PDB file of all heavy atoms in Angstrom:
ATOM      1  N   HIS A   1      54.148 -14.278  -6.585  1.00  0.00           N
ATOM      2  CA  HIS A   1      54.301 -14.675  -5.176  1.00  0.00           C
ATOM      3  C   HIS A   1      55.763 -14.717  -4.737  1.00  0.00           C
ATOM      4  O   HIS A   1      56.093 -14.401  -3.594  1.00  0.00           O
ATOM      5  CB  HIS A   1      53.629 -16.032  -4.916  1.00  0.00           C
ATOM      6  CG  HIS A   1      54.301 -17.179  -5.604  1.00  0.00           C
ATOM      7  ND1 HIS A   1      55.262 -17.941  -5.003  1.00  0.00           N
ATOM      8  CD2 HIS A   1      54.150 -17.679  -6.865  1.00  0.00           C
ATOM      9  CE1 HIS A   1      55.679 -18.874  -5.851  1.00  0.00           C
ATOM     10  NE2 HIS A   1      55.023 -18.734  -6.980  1.00  0.00           N
ATOM     11  N   GLY A   2      56.667 -15.090  -5.645  1.00  0.00           N
ATOM     12  CA  GLY A   2      58.080 -15.170  -5.289  1.00  0.00           C
ATOM     13  C   GLY A   2      58.723 -13.812  -5.067  1.00  0.00           C
ATOM     14  O   GLY A   2      59.827 -13.723  -4.510  1.00  0.00           O
ATOM     15  N   TYR A   3      58.049 -12.763  -5.492  1.00  0.00           N
ATOM     16  CA  TYR A   3      58.587 -11.404  -5.386  1.00  0.00           C
ATOM     17  C   TYR A   3      58.267 -10.770  -4.033  1.00  0.00           C
ATOM     18  O   TYR A   3      58.873  -9.765  -3.652  1.00  0.00           O
ATOM     19  CB  TYR A   3      57.980 -10.564  -6.520  1.00  0.00           C
ATOM     20  CG  TYR A   3      58.681  -9.256  -6.833  1.00  0.00           C
ATOM     21  CD1 TYR A   3      60.044  -9.213  -7.102  1.00  0.00           C
ATOM     22  CD2 TYR A   3      57.962  -8.067  -6.893  1.00  0.00           C
ATOM     23  CE1 TYR A   3      60.675  -8.021  -7.413  1.00  0.00           C
ATOM     24  CE2 TYR A   3      58.578  -6.868  -7.202  1.00  0.00           C
ATOM     25  CZ  TYR A   3      59.936  -6.852  -7.463  1.00  0.00           C
ATOM     26  OH  TYR A   3      60.558  -5.666  -7.778  1.00  0.00           O
ATOM     27  N   ILE A   4      57.319 -11.387  -3.299  1.00  0.00           N
ATOM     28  CA  ILE A   4      56.882 -10.789  -2.033  1.00  0.00           C
ATOM     29  C   ILE A   4      58.018 -10.656  -1.016  1.00  0.00           C
ATOM     30  O   ILE A   4      58.224  -9.570  -0.460  1.00  0.00           O
ATOM     31  CB  ILE A   4      55.702 -11.583  -1.425  1.00  0.00           C
ATOM     32  CG1 ILE A   4      54.476 -11.486  -2.337  1.00  0.00           C
ATOM     33  CG2 ILE A   4      55.358 -11.045  -0.034  1.00  0.00           C
ATOM     34  CD1 ILE A   4      53.292 -12.319  -1.865  1.00  0.00           C
ATOM     35  N   PRO A   5      58.814 -11.726  -0.739  1.00  0.00           N
ATOM     36  CA  PRO A   5      59.877 -11.579   0.271  1.00  0.00           C
ATOM     37  C   PRO A   5      60.875 -10.480  -0.095  1.00  0.00           C
ATOM     38  O   PRO A   5      61.346  -9.750   0.785  1.00  0.00           O
ATOM     39  CB  PRO A   5      60.547 -12.963   0.269  1.00  0.00           C
ATOM     40  CG  PRO A   5      59.503 -13.894  -0.244  1.00  0.00           C
ATOM     41  CD  PRO A   5      58.733 -13.104  -1.246  1.00  0.00           C
ATOM     42  N   ARG A   6      61.176 -10.359  -1.391  1.00  0.00           N
ATOM     43  CA  ARG A   6      62.128  -9.338  -1.818  1.00  0.00           C
ATOM     44  C   ARG A   6      61.572  -7.936  -1.571  1.00  0.00           C
ATOM     45  O   ARG A   6      62.271  -7.039  -1.110  1.00  0.00           O
ATOM     46  CB  ARG A   6      62.455  -9.530  -3.308  1.00  0.00           C
ATOM     47  CG  ARG A   6      63.718  -8.826  -3.739  1.00  0.00           C
ATOM     48  CD  ARG A   6      63.986  -8.987  -5.212  1.00  0.00           C
ATOM     49  NE  ARG A   6      63.898 -10.382  -5.645  1.00  0.00           N
ATOM     50  CZ  ARG A   6      63.999 -10.755  -6.918  1.00  0.00           C
ATOM     51  NH1 ARG A   6      64.149  -9.845  -7.870  1.00  0.00           N
ATOM     52  NH2 ARG A   6      63.915 -12.031  -7.248  1.00  0.00           N
ATOM     53  N   MET A   7      60.271  -7.767  -1.877  1.00  0.00           N
ATOM     54  CA  MET A   7      59.664  -6.453  -1.682  1.00  0.00           C
ATOM     55  C   MET A   7      59.507  -6.136  -0.195  1.00  0.00           C
ATOM     56  O   MET A   7      59.696  -4.994   0.228  1.00  0.00           O
ATOM     57  CB  MET A   7      58.305  -6.423  -2.389  1.00  0.00           C
ATOM     58  CG  MET A   7      57.826  -5.031  -2.763  1.00  0.00           C
ATOM     59  SD  MET A   7      58.920  -4.225  -3.946  1.00  0.00           S
ATOM     60  CE  MET A   7      59.416  -2.786  -3.001  1.00  0.00           C
ATOM     61  N   GLN A   8      59.183  -7.162   0.595  1.00  0.00           N
ATOM     62  CA  GLN A   8      59.089  -6.965   2.042  1.00  0.00           C
ATOM     63  C   GLN A   8      60.450  -6.566   2.613  1.00  0.00           C
ATOM     64  O   GLN A   8      60.548  -5.716   3.510  1.00  0.00           O
ATOM     65  CB  GLN A   8      58.591  -8.241   2.731  1.00  0.00           C
ATOM     66  CG  GLN A   8      57.158  -8.629   2.408  1.00  0.00           C
ATOM     67  CD  GLN A   8      56.118  -7.810   3.154  1.00  0.00           C
ATOM     68  OE1 GLN A   8      56.423  -6.756   3.695  1.00  0.00           O
ATOM     69  NE2 GLN A   8      54.881  -8.275   3.161  1.00  0.00           N
ATOM     70  N   ALA A   9      61.511  -7.166   2.080  1.00  0.00           N
ATOM     71  CA  ALA A   9      62.863  -6.823   2.528  1.00  0.00           C
ATOM     72  C   ALA A   9      63.191  -5.378   2.173  1.00  0.00           C
ATOM     73  O   ALA A   9      63.800  -4.645   2.964  1.00  0.00           O
ATOM     74  CB  ALA A   9      63.878  -7.774   1.897  1.00  0.00           C
ATOM     75  N   ALA A  10      62.772  -4.954   0.988  1.00  0.00           N
ATOM     76  CA  ALA A  10      63.032  -3.579   0.556  1.00  0.00           C
ATOM     77  C   ALA A  10      62.306  -2.586   1.464  1.00  0.00           C
ATOM     78  O   ALA A  10      62.871  -1.553   1.856  1.00  0.00           O
ATOM     79  CB  ALA A  10      62.589  -3.399  -0.893  1.00  0.00           C
ATOM     80  N   VAL A  11      61.075  -2.900   1.805  1.00  0.00           N
ATOM     81  CA  VAL A  11      60.289  -2.033   2.682  1.00  0.00           C
ATOM     82  C   VAL A  11      60.940  -1.966   4.069  1.00  0.00           C
ATOM     83  O   VAL A  11      61.000  -0.897   4.697  1.00  0.00           O
ATOM     84  CB  VAL A  11      58.828  -2.536   2.761  1.00  0.00           C
ATOM     85  CG1 VAL A  11      58.083  -1.863   3.894  1.00  0.00           C
ATOM     86  CG2 VAL A  11      58.115  -2.295   1.437  1.00  0.00           C
ATOM     87  N   GLU A  12      61.435  -3.107   4.532  1.00  0.00           N
ATOM     88  CA  GLU A  12      62.134  -3.129   5.817  1.00  0.00           C
ATOM     89  C   GLU A  12      63.387  -2.262   5.763  1.00  0.00           C
ATOM     90  O   GLU A  12      63.702  -1.526   6.704  1.00  0.00           O
ATOM     91  CB  GLU A  12      62.501  -4.568   6.187  1.00  0.00           C
ATOM     92  CG  GLU A  12      63.170  -4.692   7.545  1.00  0.00           C
ATOM     93  CD  GLU A  12      63.463  -6.127   7.956  1.00  0.00           C
ATOM     94  OE1 GLU A  12      62.942  -7.057   7.300  1.00  0.00           O
ATOM     95  OE2 GLU A  12      64.221  -6.308   8.929  1.00  0.00           O
ATOM     96  N   ALA A  13      64.110  -2.330   4.631  1.00  0.00           N
ATOM     97  CA  ALA A  13      65.318  -1.526   4.461  1.00  0.00           C
ATOM     98  C   ALA A  13      65.007  -0.033   4.473  1.00  0.00           C
ATOM     99  O   ALA A  13      65.846   0.787   4.850  1.00  0.00           O
ATOM    100  CB  ALA A  13      66.013  -1.901   3.154  1.00  0.00           C
ATOM    101  N   LEU A  14      63.779   0.317   4.075  1.00  0.00           N
ATOM    102  CA  LEU A  14      63.352   1.721   4.090  1.00  0.00           C
ATOM    103  C   LEU A  14      62.862   2.156   5.475  1.00  0.00           C
ATOM    104  O   LEU A  14      62.427   3.291   5.652  1.00  0.00           O
ATOM    105  CB  LEU A  14      62.231   1.929   3.064  1.00  0.00           C
ATOM    106  CG  LEU A  14      62.613   1.767   1.590  1.00  0.00           C
ATOM    107  CD1 LEU A  14      61.362   1.735   0.716  1.00  0.00           C
ATOM    108  CD2 LEU A  14      63.539   2.899   1.146  1.00  0.00           C
ATOM    109  N   GLY A  15      62.913   1.218   6.428  1.00  0.00           N
ATOM    110  CA  GLY A  15      62.478   1.536   7.786  1.00  0.00           C
ATOM    111  C   GLY A  15      60.988   1.398   7.998  1.00  0.00           C
ATOM    112  O   GLY A  15      60.429   1.958   8.948  1.00  0.00           O
ATOM    113  N   LYS A  16      60.309   0.618   7.124  1.00  0.00           N
ATOM    114  CA  LYS A  16      58.846   0.489   7.192  1.00  0.00           C
ATOM    115  C   LYS A  16      58.420  -0.967   7.364  1.00  0.00           C
ATOM    116  O   LYS A  16      57.407  -1.400   6.802  1.00  0.00           O
ATOM    117  CB  LYS A  16      58.204   1.073   5.928  1.00  0.00           C
ATOM    118  CG  LYS A  16      58.533   2.541   5.680  1.00  0.00           C
ATOM    119  CD  LYS A  16      57.965   3.445   6.770  1.00  0.00           C
ATOM    120  CE  LYS A  16      58.289   4.903   6.510  1.00  0.00           C
ATOM    121  NZ  LYS A  16      57.735   5.786   7.555  1.00  0.00           N
ATOM    122  N   LYS A  17      59.182  -1.711   8.144  1.00  0.00           N
ATOM    123  CA  LYS A  17      58.873  -3.127   8.347  1.00  0.00           C
ATOM    124  C   LYS A  17      57.443  -3.304   8.856  1.00  0.00           C
ATOM    125  O   LYS A  17      56.994  -2.589   9.749  1.00  0.00           O
ATOM    126  CB  LYS A  17      59.848  -3.736   9.350  1.00  0.00           C
ATOM    127  CG  LYS A  17      59.659  -5.241   9.553  1.00  0.00           C
ATOM    128  CD  LYS A  17      60.699  -5.798  10.521  1.00  0.00           C
ATOM    129  CE  LYS A  17      60.506  -7.300  10.708  1.00  0.00           C
ATOM    130  NZ  LYS A  17      61.507  -7.870  11.646  1.00  0.00           N
ATOM    131  N   GLY A  18      56.720  -4.261   8.252  1.00  0.00           N
ATOM    132  CA  GLY A  18      55.362  -4.566   8.679  1.00  0.00           C
ATOM    133  C   GLY A  18      54.308  -3.636   8.125  1.00  0.00           C
ATOM    134  O   GLY A  18      53.138  -3.730   8.494  1.00  0.00           O
ATOM    135  N   GLN A  19      54.702  -2.722   7.229  1.00  0.00           N
ATOM    136  CA  GLN A  19      53.748  -1.752   6.710  1.00  0.00           C
ATOM    137  C   GLN A  19      53.364  -2.010   5.253  1.00  0.00           C
ATOM    138  O   GLN A  19      52.800  -1.150   4.588  1.00  0.00           O
ATOM    139  CB  GLN A  19      54.308  -0.330   6.866  1.00  0.00           C
ATOM    140  CG  GLN A  19      54.389   0.108   8.322  1.00  0.00           C
ATOM    141  CD  GLN A  19      55.001   1.492   8.491  1.00  0.00           C
ATOM    142  OE1 GLN A  19      56.076   1.644   9.064  1.00  0.00           O
ATOM    143  NE2 GLN A  19      54.324   2.501   7.999  1.00  0.00           N
ATOM    144  N   LEU A  20      53.669  -3.211   4.763  1.00  0.00           N
ATOM    145  CA  LEU A  20      53.269  -3.612   3.411  1.00  0.00           C
ATOM    146  C   LEU A  20      52.470  -4.905   3.480  1.00  0.00           C
ATOM    147  O   LEU A  20      52.927  -5.894   4.052  1.00  0.00           O
ATOM    148  CB  LEU A  20      54.492  -3.820   2.514  1.00  0.00           C
ATOM    149  CG  LEU A  20      54.218  -4.456   1.142  1.00  0.00           C
ATOM    150  CD1 LEU A  20      53.377  -3.527   0.266  1.00  0.00           C
ATOM    151  CD2 LEU A  20      55.524  -4.811   0.428  1.00  0.00           C
ATOM    152  N   ASP A  21      51.271  -4.887   2.943  1.00  0.00           N
ATOM    153  CA  ASP A  21      50.459  -6.100   2.799  1.00  0.00           C
ATOM    154  C   ASP A  21      50.307  -6.392   1.312  1.00  0.00           C
ATOM    155  O   ASP A  21      50.025  -5.479   0.524  1.00  0.00           O
ATOM    156  CB  ASP A  21      49.064  -5.907   3.406  1.00  0.00           C
ATOM    157  CG  ASP A  21      49.078  -5.950   4.921  1.00  0.00           C
ATOM    158  OD1 ASP A  21      49.750  -6.842   5.467  1.00  0.00           O
ATOM    159  OD2 ASP A  21      48.437  -5.100   5.557  1.00  0.00           O
ATOM    160  N   VAL A  22      50.484  -7.635   0.939  1.00  0.00           N
ATOM    161  CA  VAL A  22      50.327  -8.043  -0.459  1.00  0.00           C
ATOM    162  C   VAL A  22      49.199  -9.059  -0.556  1.00  0.00           C
ATOM    163  O   VAL A  22      49.192 -10.065   0.170  1.00  0.00           O
ATOM    164  CB  VAL A  22      51.624  -8.640  -1.035  1.00  0.00           C
ATOM    165  CG1 VAL A  22      51.401  -9.091  -2.485  1.00  0.00           C
ATOM    166  CG2 VAL A  22      52.759  -7.631  -0.967  1.00  0.00           C
ATOM    167  N   ILE A  23      48.250  -8.780  -1.419  1.00  0.00           N
ATOM    168  CA  ILE A  23      47.148  -9.708  -1.684  1.00  0.00           C
ATOM    169  C   ILE A  23      47.382 -10.316  -3.051  1.00  0.00           C
ATOM    170  O   ILE A  23      47.545  -9.598  -4.049  1.00  0.00           O
ATOM    171  CB  ILE A  23      45.791  -8.967  -1.656  1.00  0.00           C
ATOM    172  CG1 ILE A  23      45.520  -8.402  -0.268  1.00  0.00           C
ATOM    173  CG2 ILE A  23      44.661  -9.899  -2.090  1.00  0.00           C
ATOM    174  CD1 ILE A  23      44.291  -7.507  -0.206  1.00  0.00           C
ATOM    175  N   LEU A  24      47.422 -11.639  -3.105  1.00  0.00           N
ATOM    176  CA  LEU A  24      47.628 -12.334  -4.378  1.00  0.00           C
ATOM    177  C   LEU A  24      46.283 -12.734  -4.986  1.00  0.00           C
ATOM    178  O   LEU A  24      45.378 -13.172  -4.278  1.00  0.00           O
ATOM    179  CB  LEU A  24      48.492 -13.580  -4.179  1.00  0.00           C
ATOM    180  CG  LEU A  24      49.944 -13.322  -3.770  1.00  0.00           C
ATOM    181  CD1 LEU A  24      50.669 -14.653  -3.566  1.00  0.00           C
ATOM    182  CD2 LEU A  24      50.675 -12.472  -4.798  1.00  0.00           C
ATOM    183  N   VAL A  25      46.179 -12.567  -6.295  1.00  0.00           N
ATOM    184  CA  VAL A  25      44.943 -12.888  -7.009  1.00  0.00           C
ATOM    185  C   VAL A  25      45.226 -14.033  -7.977  1.00  0.00           C
ATOM    186  O   VAL A  25      46.049 -13.897  -8.885  1.00  0.00           O
ATOM    187  CB  VAL A  25      44.417 -11.661  -7.781  1.00  0.00           C
ATOM    188  CG1 VAL A  25      43.131 -12.005  -8.526  1.00  0.00           C
ATOM    189  CG2 VAL A  25      44.188 -10.491  -6.829  1.00  0.00           C
ATOM    190  N   GLN A  26      44.541 -15.140  -7.759  1.00  0.00           N
ATOM    191  CA  GLN A  26      44.753 -16.310  -8.605  1.00  0.00           C
ATOM    192  C   GLN A  26      44.038 -16.156  -9.952  1.00  0.00           C
ATOM    193  O   GLN A  26      43.200 -15.281 -10.154  1.00  0.00           O
ATOM    194  CB  GLN A  26      44.251 -17.574  -7.901  1.00  0.00           C
ATOM    195  CG  GLN A  26      45.323 -18.335  -7.162  1.00  0.00           C
ATOM    196  CD  GLN A  26      46.382 -18.952  -8.072  1.00  0.00           C
ATOM    197  OE1 GLN A  26      46.302 -18.843  -9.293  1.00  0.00           O
ATOM    198  NE2 GLN A  26      47.367 -19.587  -7.476  1.00  0.00           N
ATOM    199  N   LEU A  27      44.388 -17.059 -10.837  1.00  0.00           N
ATOM    200  CA  LEU A  27      43.853 -17.033 -12.197  1.00  0.00           C
ATOM    201  C   LEU A  27      42.348 -17.304 -12.225  1.00  0.00           C
ATOM    202  O   LEU A  27      41.799 -17.957 -11.355  1.00  0.00           O
ATOM    203  CB  LEU A  27      44.562 -18.084 -13.056  1.00  0.00           C
ATOM    204  CG  LEU A  27      46.061 -17.874 -13.293  1.00  0.00           C
ATOM    205  CD1 LEU A  27      46.637 -19.085 -13.995  1.00  0.00           C
ATOM    206  CD2 LEU A  27      46.294 -16.612 -14.102  1.00  0.00           C
ATOM    207  N   VAL A  28      41.724 -16.790 -13.262  1.00  0.00           N
ATOM    208  CA  VAL A  28      40.317 -17.055 -13.521  1.00  0.00           C
ATOM    209  C   VAL A  28      40.222 -18.013 -14.704  1.00  0.00           C
ATOM    210  O   VAL A  28      40.803 -17.770 -15.758  1.00  0.00           O
ATOM    211  CB  VAL A  28      39.558 -15.749 -13.863  1.00  0.00           C
ATOM    212  CG1 VAL A  28      38.094 -16.056 -14.170  1.00  0.00           C
ATOM    213  CG2 VAL A  28      39.676 -14.751 -12.732  1.00  0.00           C
ATOM    214  N   ASN A  29      39.518 -19.110 -14.500  1.00  0.00           N
ATOM    215  CA  ASN A  29      39.233 -20.029 -15.606  1.00  0.00           C
ATOM    216  C   ASN A  29      37.878 -19.646 -16.180  1.00  0.00           C
ATOM    217  O   ASN A  29      36.839 -19.905 -15.580  1.00  0.00           O
ATOM    218  CB  ASN A  29      39.199 -21.485 -15.112  1.00  0.00           C
ATOM    219  CG  ASN A  29      40.542 -21.921 -14.547  1.00  0.00           C
ATOM    220  OD1 ASN A  29      41.588 -21.639 -15.116  1.00  0.00           O
ATOM    221  ND2 ASN A  29      40.509 -22.594 -13.409  1.00  0.00           N
ATOM    222  N   LEU A  30      37.904 -19.003 -17.322  1.00  0.00           N
ATOM    223  CA  LEU A  30      36.676 -18.538 -17.952  1.00  0.00           C
ATOM    224  C   LEU A  30      36.109 -19.663 -18.809  1.00  0.00           C
ATOM    225  O   LEU A  30      36.793 -20.197 -19.686  1.00  0.00           O
ATOM    226  CB  LEU A  30      36.959 -17.298 -18.798  1.00  0.00           C
ATOM    227  CG  LEU A  30      35.763 -16.478 -19.238  1.00  0.00           C
ATOM    228  CD1 LEU A  30      35.015 -15.929 -18.033  1.00  0.00           C
ATOM    229  CD2 LEU A  30      36.210 -15.330 -20.134  1.00  0.00           C
ATOM    230  N   LEU A  31      34.864 -20.041 -18.515  1.00  0.00           N
ATOM    231  CA  LEU A  31      34.245 -21.172 -19.205  1.00  0.00           C
ATOM    232  C   LEU A  31      33.051 -20.714 -20.027  1.00  0.00           C
ATOM    233  O   LEU A  31      32.316 -19.812 -19.640  1.00  0.00           O
ATOM    234  CB  LEU A  31      33.781 -22.219 -18.185  1.00  0.00           C
ATOM    235  CG  LEU A  31      34.811 -22.700 -17.164  1.00  0.00           C
ATOM    236  CD1 LEU A  31      34.154 -23.637 -16.166  1.00  0.00           C
ATOM    237  CD2 LEU A  31      35.981 -23.392 -17.848  1.00  0.00           C
ATOM    238  N   ARG A  32      32.889 -21.356 -21.165  1.00  0.00           N
ATOM    239  CA  ARG A  32      31.713 -21.131 -21.993  1.00  0.00           C
ATOM    240  C   ARG A  32      31.316 -22.496 -22.575  1.00  0.00           C
ATOM    241  O   ARG A  32      32.099 -23.104 -23.299  1.00  0.00           O
ATOM    242  CB  ARG A  32      32.011 -20.140 -23.120  1.00  0.00           C
ATOM    243  CG  ARG A  32      30.765 -19.681 -23.887  1.00  0.00           C
ATOM    244  CD  ARG A  32      31.155 -18.942 -25.176  1.00  0.00           C
ATOM    245  NE  ARG A  32      31.986 -17.789 -24.908  1.00  0.00           N
ATOM    246  CZ  ARG A  32      31.509 -16.604 -24.516  1.00  0.00           C
ATOM    247  NH1 ARG A  32      30.214 -16.447 -24.348  1.00  0.00           N
ATOM    248  NH2 ARG A  32      32.318 -15.590 -24.315  1.00  0.00           N
ATOM    249  N   GLY A  33      30.108 -22.944 -22.209  1.00  0.00           N
ATOM    250  CA  GLY A  33      29.691 -24.264 -22.684  1.00  0.00           C
ATOM    251  C   GLY A  33      30.597 -25.371 -22.190  1.00  0.00           C
ATOM    252  O   GLY A  33      30.809 -26.375 -22.885  1.00  0.00           O
ATOM    253  N   GLY A  34      31.165 -25.188 -20.998  1.00  0.00           N
ATOM    254  CA  GLY A  34      32.036 -26.209 -20.418  1.00  0.00           C
ATOM    255  C   GLY A  34      33.457 -26.179 -20.940  1.00  0.00           C
ATOM    256  O   GLY A  34      34.306 -26.928 -20.459  1.00  0.00           O
ATOM    257  N   GLU A  35      33.739 -25.306 -21.901  1.00  0.00           N
ATOM    258  CA  GLU A  35      35.076 -25.230 -22.480  1.00  0.00           C
ATOM    259  C   GLU A  35      35.804 -23.996 -21.968  1.00  0.00           C
ATOM    260  O   GLU A  35      35.231 -22.901 -21.925  1.00  0.00           O
ATOM    261  CB  GLU A  35      34.987 -25.170 -24.016  1.00  0.00           C
ATOM    262  CG  GLU A  35      34.404 -26.408 -24.657  1.00  0.00           C
ATOM    263  CD  GLU A  35      35.303 -27.621 -24.500  1.00  0.00           C
ATOM    264  OE1 GLU A  35      36.535 -27.443 -24.559  1.00  0.00           O
ATOM    265  OE2 GLU A  35      34.781 -28.736 -24.302  1.00  0.00           O
ATOM    266  N   GLN A  36      37.070 -24.175 -21.588  1.00  0.00           N
ATOM    267  CA  GLN A  36      37.849 -23.035 -21.110  1.00  0.00           C
ATOM    268  C   GLN A  36      38.251 -22.144 -22.277  1.00  0.00           C
ATOM    269  O   GLN A  36      38.620 -22.627 -23.354  1.00  0.00           O
ATOM    270  CB  GLN A  36      39.099 -23.519 -20.376  1.00  0.00           C
ATOM    271  CG  GLN A  36      39.865 -22.382 -19.704  1.00  0.00           C
ATOM    272  CD  GLN A  36      40.932 -22.885 -18.744  1.00  0.00           C
ATOM    273  OE1 GLN A  36      40.818 -23.989 -18.208  1.00  0.00           O
ATOM    274  NE2 GLN A  36      41.964 -22.105 -18.532  1.00  0.00           N
ATOM    275  N   ILE A  37      38.187 -20.828 -22.053  1.00  0.00           N
ATOM    276  CA  ILE A  37      38.543 -19.864 -23.089  1.00  0.00           C
ATOM    277  C   ILE A  37      39.983 -19.447 -22.879  1.00  0.00           C
ATOM    278  O   ILE A  37      40.368 -19.006 -21.795  1.00  0.00           O
ATOM    279  CB  ILE A  37      37.620 -18.629 -23.027  1.00  0.00           C
ATOM    280  CG1 ILE A  37      36.173 -19.061 -23.241  1.00  0.00           C
ATOM    281  CG2 ILE A  37      38.023 -17.583 -24.064  1.00  0.00           C
ATOM    282  CD1 ILE A  37      35.165 -17.967 -22.963  1.00  0.00           C
ATOM    283  N   ALA A  38      40.803 -19.580 -23.935  1.00  0.00           N
ATOM    284  CA  ALA A  38      42.220 -19.242 -23.829  1.00  0.00           C
ATOM    285  C   ALA A  38      42.409 -17.731 -23.790  1.00  0.00           C
ATOM    286  O   ALA A  38      41.652 -16.985 -24.404  1.00  0.00           O
ATOM    287  CB  ALA A  38      42.985 -19.828 -25.016  1.00  0.00           C
ATOM    288  N   MET A  39      43.426 -17.290 -23.021  1.00  0.00           N
ATOM    289  CA  MET A  39      43.707 -15.863 -22.921  1.00  0.00           C
ATOM    290  C   MET A  39      45.211 -15.630 -23.053  1.00  0.00           C
ATOM    291  O   MET A  39      46.001 -16.221 -22.336  1.00  0.00           O
ATOM    292  CB  MET A  39      43.233 -15.318 -21.577  1.00  0.00           C
ATOM    293  CG  MET A  39      41.731 -15.329 -21.396  1.00  0.00           C
ATOM    294  SD  MET A  39      41.248 -14.747 -19.758  1.00  0.00           S
ATOM    295  CE  MET A  39      41.698 -16.160 -18.762  1.00  0.00           C
ATOM    296  N   SER A  40      45.598 -14.760 -23.984  1.00  0.00           N
ATOM    297  CA  SER A  40      46.995 -14.380 -24.148  1.00  0.00           C
ATOM    298  C   SER A  40      47.054 -13.054 -24.872  1.00  0.00           C
ATOM    299  O   SER A  40      46.653 -12.949 -26.025  1.00  0.00           O
ATOM    300  CB  SER A  40      47.763 -15.440 -24.955  1.00  0.00           C
ATOM    301  OG  SER A  40      49.043 -14.954 -25.283  1.00  0.00           O
ATOM    302  N   THR A  41      47.566 -12.032 -24.191  1.00  0.00           N
ATOM    303  CA  THR A  41      47.589 -10.698 -24.784  1.00  0.00           C
ATOM    304  C   THR A  41      48.447 -10.666 -26.038  1.00  0.00           C
ATOM    305  O   THR A  41      48.067 -10.114 -27.054  1.00  0.00           O
ATOM    306  CB  THR A  41      48.139  -9.667 -23.761  1.00  0.00           C
ATOM    307  OG1 THR A  41      47.440  -9.830 -22.548  1.00  0.00           O
ATOM    308  CG2 THR A  41      47.963  -8.261 -24.270  1.00  0.00           C
TER     309      THR A  41
END
C-alpha cells in the first residue's frame, strides 16, 4: 500500500495521470479445525 503514491507519481511523470488503478488484496487467514495454518515460502 505504501508503494501506491510513488507509482502514481511515476505514472503522472509519464504524462498518464489518473490512468492507473491499484486494487489491494488483503491476507487470507486459512483455517482448519479452528486453527490458523501458517504460510511462509
